[in-house]
Amino acid sequence: MSLLDECAARFDFVVREHHAATVSPSQVWAALPGLLADPPRLFGGAAVPNRQRAGIAGFDELLSTARWVLLRRDANEVVLGAAGRFWTPFMDWQQLSAEEFTTFSRPRRATIAVSLAVLSYGRGQQLLTFEARVRSTDAIAFRWADWYWQSIRASARLVVRDLLRDVHRAAETVPHHEGV
């Protein structure tokens, strides 16, 4: 069971992508200091919004503007969570703690949990995995989130693939230390 499974076992929507990399886990985590910052950040700076249609925030915008909270972390995986209404042009992010994440139920909102995992993949390679899970808090939020998810699903996969490639490139610039 992954940390993401523990934090977000139930979900309505998911995007998951993998990327094989020839870097060590320590290089990956060293390349991502923002993940463990307070508050956590998925992107080093502000991402340029990629709005496919007017009025619909792109997945990159969602990832870069969310009020992330660190949910769980171990040597192989980091899980962040956020809650709010993100399917409107003006996203409404809620302030919450890691303890409040699993019980968040404010009407007309949703939670999103994202995981970045680094797992051994053959000799000298790691499998970088990014997964995002969305759970709506009620039927109305589900309908809006479903509409949003259907609108951005294809571009979300591209955003995640680019993110994983960027993580790989950044990790390659971090010196590798034997035994780490």
Protein backbone atom coordinates (compact mmCIF):
# COMPACT_ATOMS: atom_id res chain seq x y z
CA MET A 1 0.00 0.00 0.00
CA SER A 2 1.38 3.39 -0.96
CA LEU A 3 1.21 6.52 1.15
CA LEU A 4 -1.23 7.92 -1.41
CA ASP A 5 -3.50 4.91 -0.82
CA GLU A 6 -3.45 5.72 2.89
CA CYS A 7 -4.22 9.42 2.36
CA ALA A 8 -6.68 9.22 -0.53
CA ALA A 9 -8.11 5.71 -0.75
CA ARG A 10 -11.40 6.98 -2.19
CA PHE A 11 -11.39 9.16 -5.27
CA ASP A 12 -13.56 10.14 -8.23
CA PHE A 13 -10.90 11.13 -10.77
CA VAL A 14 -7.26 10.20 -11.28
CA VAL A 15 -4.29 10.98 -13.49
CA ARG A 16 -1.19 8.80 -13.25
CA GLU A 17 2.02 8.91 -15.27
CA HIS A 18 5.42 7.20 -15.01
CA HIS A 19 8.90 8.09 -16.22
CA ALA A 20 12.03 5.90 -16.12
CA ALA A 21 15.13 7.79 -14.99
CA THR A 22 18.79 6.92 -14.48
CA VAL A 23 19.17 8.91 -11.26
CA SER A 24 19.20 7.95 -7.59
CA PRO A 25 16.30 8.67 -5.24
CA SER A 26 18.53 11.07 -3.27
CA GLN A 27 19.17 13.06 -6.47
CA VAL A 28 15.43 13.30 -7.14
CA TRP A 29 14.58 14.53 -3.63
CA ALA A 30 17.53 16.97 -3.65
CA ALA A 31 16.22 18.41 -6.93
CA LEU A 32 12.81 19.10 -5.38
CA PRO A 33 13.34 21.23 -2.27
CA GLY A 34 9.94 22.88 -2.75
CA LEU A 35 8.09 19.63 -1.99
CA LEU A 36 9.27 19.74 1.59
CA ALA A 37 9.03 23.51 2.05
CA ASP A 38 6.37 25.09 4.24
CA PRO A 39 4.04 25.46 2.44
CA PRO A 40 4.96 22.79 -0.12
CA ARG A 41 5.31 23.73 -3.81
CA LEU A 42 5.19 21.50 -6.87
CA PHE A 43 6.80 24.03 -9.18
CA GLY A 44 9.86 26.11 -8.37
CA GLY A 45 8.19 29.32 -9.51
CA ALA A 46 4.83 30.39 -10.80
CA ALA A 47 3.77 28.33 -13.78
CA VAL A 48 2.48 30.10 -16.87
CA PRO A 49 -1.22 29.19 -17.07
CA ASN A 50 -2.08 26.82 -19.90
CA ARG A 51 -5.77 27.54 -20.40
CA GLN A 52 -7.04 25.39 -23.23
CA ARG A 53 -10.37 27.22 -23.18
CA ALA A 54 -11.33 30.59 -21.71
CA GLY A 55 -12.65 30.17 -18.20
CA ILE A 56 -11.03 26.77 -17.57
CA ALA A 57 -7.85 26.71 -15.52
CA GLY A 58 -5.26 24.27 -16.83
CA PHE A 59 -3.94 21.44 -14.68
CA ASP A 60 -0.58 23.21 -14.40
CA GLU A 61 -2.37 26.23 -12.96
CA LEU A 62 -4.19 23.99 -10.49
CA LEU A 63 -0.90 22.39 -9.39
CA SER A 64 0.93 25.71 -9.04
CA THR A 65 -1.80 27.67 -7.20
CA ALA A 66 -3.19 25.09 -4.76
CA ARG A 67 -2.67 25.60 -1.02
CA TRP A 68 -0.73 22.40 -0.55
CA VAL A 69 -0.20 20.70 2.78
CA LEU A 70 2.27 17.85 3.33
CA LEU A 71 0.17 14.76 4.09
CA ARG A 72 2.79 12.02 4.31
CA ARG A 73 6.40 11.37 3.41
CA ASP A 74 8.86 8.49 3.45
CA ALA A 75 12.08 7.63 1.61
CA ASN A 76 10.20 6.74 -1.60
CA GLU A 77 7.12 8.94 -1.72
CA VAL A 78 5.82 12.42 -0.89
CA VAL A 79 2.07 13.08 -0.75
CA LEU A 80 0.56 16.58 -0.77
CA GLY A 81 -3.08 17.52 -0.40
CA ALA A 82 -5.28 20.53 -1.05
CA ALA A 83 -8.99 21.30 -0.97
CA GLY A 84 -11.24 23.82 -2.63
CA ARG A 85 -13.17 24.62 -5.76
CA PHE A 86 -10.80 24.59 -8.73
CA TRP A 87 -13.09 24.07 -11.71
CA THR A 88 -14.01 27.76 -11.93
CA PRO A 89 -11.93 30.57 -13.48
CA PHE A 90 -11.27 31.89 -9.96
CA MET A 91 -10.12 28.99 -7.85
CA ASP A 92 -11.18 28.96 -4.21
CA TRP A 93 -8.59 27.10 -2.14
CA GLN A 94 -9.33 26.25 1.47
CA GLN A 95 -6.81 26.50 4.28
CA LEU A 96 -6.53 23.10 5.97
CA SER A 97 -4.13 20.96 7.92
CA ALA A 98 -2.95 17.44 7.13
CA GLU A 99 -5.26 16.14 9.88
CA GLU A 100 -8.29 17.87 8.32
CA PHE A 101 -7.61 16.58 4.80
CA THR A 102 -9.23 13.12 5.05
CA THR A 103 -12.39 14.47 6.72
CA PHE A 104 -12.78 17.62 4.60
CA SER A 105 -16.44 17.85 3.55
CA ARG A 106 -17.29 21.47 2.84
CA PRO A 107 -20.14 21.48 0.28
CA ARG A 108 -19.43 22.19 -3.39
CA ARG A 109 -15.71 21.52 -3.00
CA ALA A 110 -13.23 18.72 -3.65
CA THR A 111 -9.93 17.46 -2.34
CA ILE A 112 -6.91 16.67 -4.46
CA ALA A 113 -4.02 14.51 -3.31
CA VAL A 114 -0.85 14.26 -5.37
CA SER A 115 1.98 11.81 -4.96
CA LEU A 116 5.47 11.78 -6.33
CA ALA A 117 7.10 8.38 -5.84
CA VAL A 118 10.58 7.16 -6.70
CA LEU A 119 10.88 3.37 -6.96
CA SER A 120 13.70 1.10 -8.06
CA TYR A 121 13.19 0.03 -11.67
CA GLY A 122 15.75 -2.42 -12.93
CA ARG A 123 19.46 -1.96 -12.71
CA GLY A 124 20.47 1.64 -12.11
CA GLN A 125 17.08 3.11 -12.92
CA GLN A 126 14.25 4.61 -10.94
CA LEU A 127 10.60 4.85 -11.87
CA LEU A 128 9.27 8.34 -11.19
CA THR A 129 5.53 8.18 -10.66
CA PHE A 130 3.17 11.12 -10.34
CA GLU A 131 -0.44 10.49 -9.40
CA ALA A 132 -3.23 12.93 -8.62
CA ARG A 133 -6.54 11.83 -7.09
CA VAL A 134 -9.61 14.05 -6.79
CA ARG A 135 -12.58 13.39 -4.50
CA SER A 136 -15.65 15.62 -4.60
CA THR A 137 -17.57 16.35 -1.42
CA ASP A 138 -21.11 16.13 -2.81
CA ALA A 139 -23.13 15.38 -5.96
CA ILE A 140 -23.10 18.97 -7.24
CA ALA A 141 -19.32 19.23 -6.79
CA PHE A 142 -18.97 15.87 -8.54
CA ARG A 143 -20.88 17.11 -11.60
CA TRP A 144 -18.75 20.26 -11.86
CA ALA A 145 -15.50 18.42 -11.16
CA ASP A 146 -16.45 15.77 -13.75
CA TRP A 147 -17.07 18.46 -16.36
CA TYR A 148 -13.73 20.09 -15.49
CA TRP A 149 -11.85 16.78 -15.46
CA GLN A 150 -13.24 15.76 -18.86
CA SER A 151 -12.18 19.16 -20.22
CA ILE A 152 -8.57 19.02 -18.98
CA ARG A 153 -7.79 15.29 -18.74
CA ALA A 154 -5.71 15.05 -21.95
CA SER A 155 -3.73 18.23 -21.24
CA ALA A 156 -3.27 17.16 -17.60
CA ARG A 157 -1.42 14.06 -18.76
CA LEU A 158 0.88 16.25 -20.87
CA VAL A 159 1.50 18.56 -17.91
CA VAL A 160 2.40 15.60 -15.70
CA ARG A 161 4.70 14.09 -18.34
CA ASP A 162 6.49 17.44 -18.68
CA LEU A 163 6.74 17.70 -14.90
CA LEU A 164 8.33 14.24 -14.63
CA ARG A 165 10.80 15.05 -17.43
CA ASP A 166 11.68 18.31 -15.66
CA VAL A 167 12.23 16.42 -12.38
CA HIS A 168 14.50 13.95 -14.21
CA ARG A 169 16.52 16.77 -15.82
CA ALA A 170 16.86 18.60 -12.51
CA ALA A 171 17.91 15.40 -10.69
CA GLU A 172 20.65 14.80 -13.27
CA THR A 173 22.29 18.07 -12.22
CA VAL A 174 22.50 16.96 -8.56
CA PRO A 175 25.78 15.17 -7.70
CA HIS A 176 25.29 11.47 -6.99
CA HIS A 177 26.85 10.12 -3.82
CA GLU A 178 27.62 6.38 -3.64
CA GLY A 179 25.70 4.53 -0.98
CA VAL A 180 22.88 7.09 -0.89
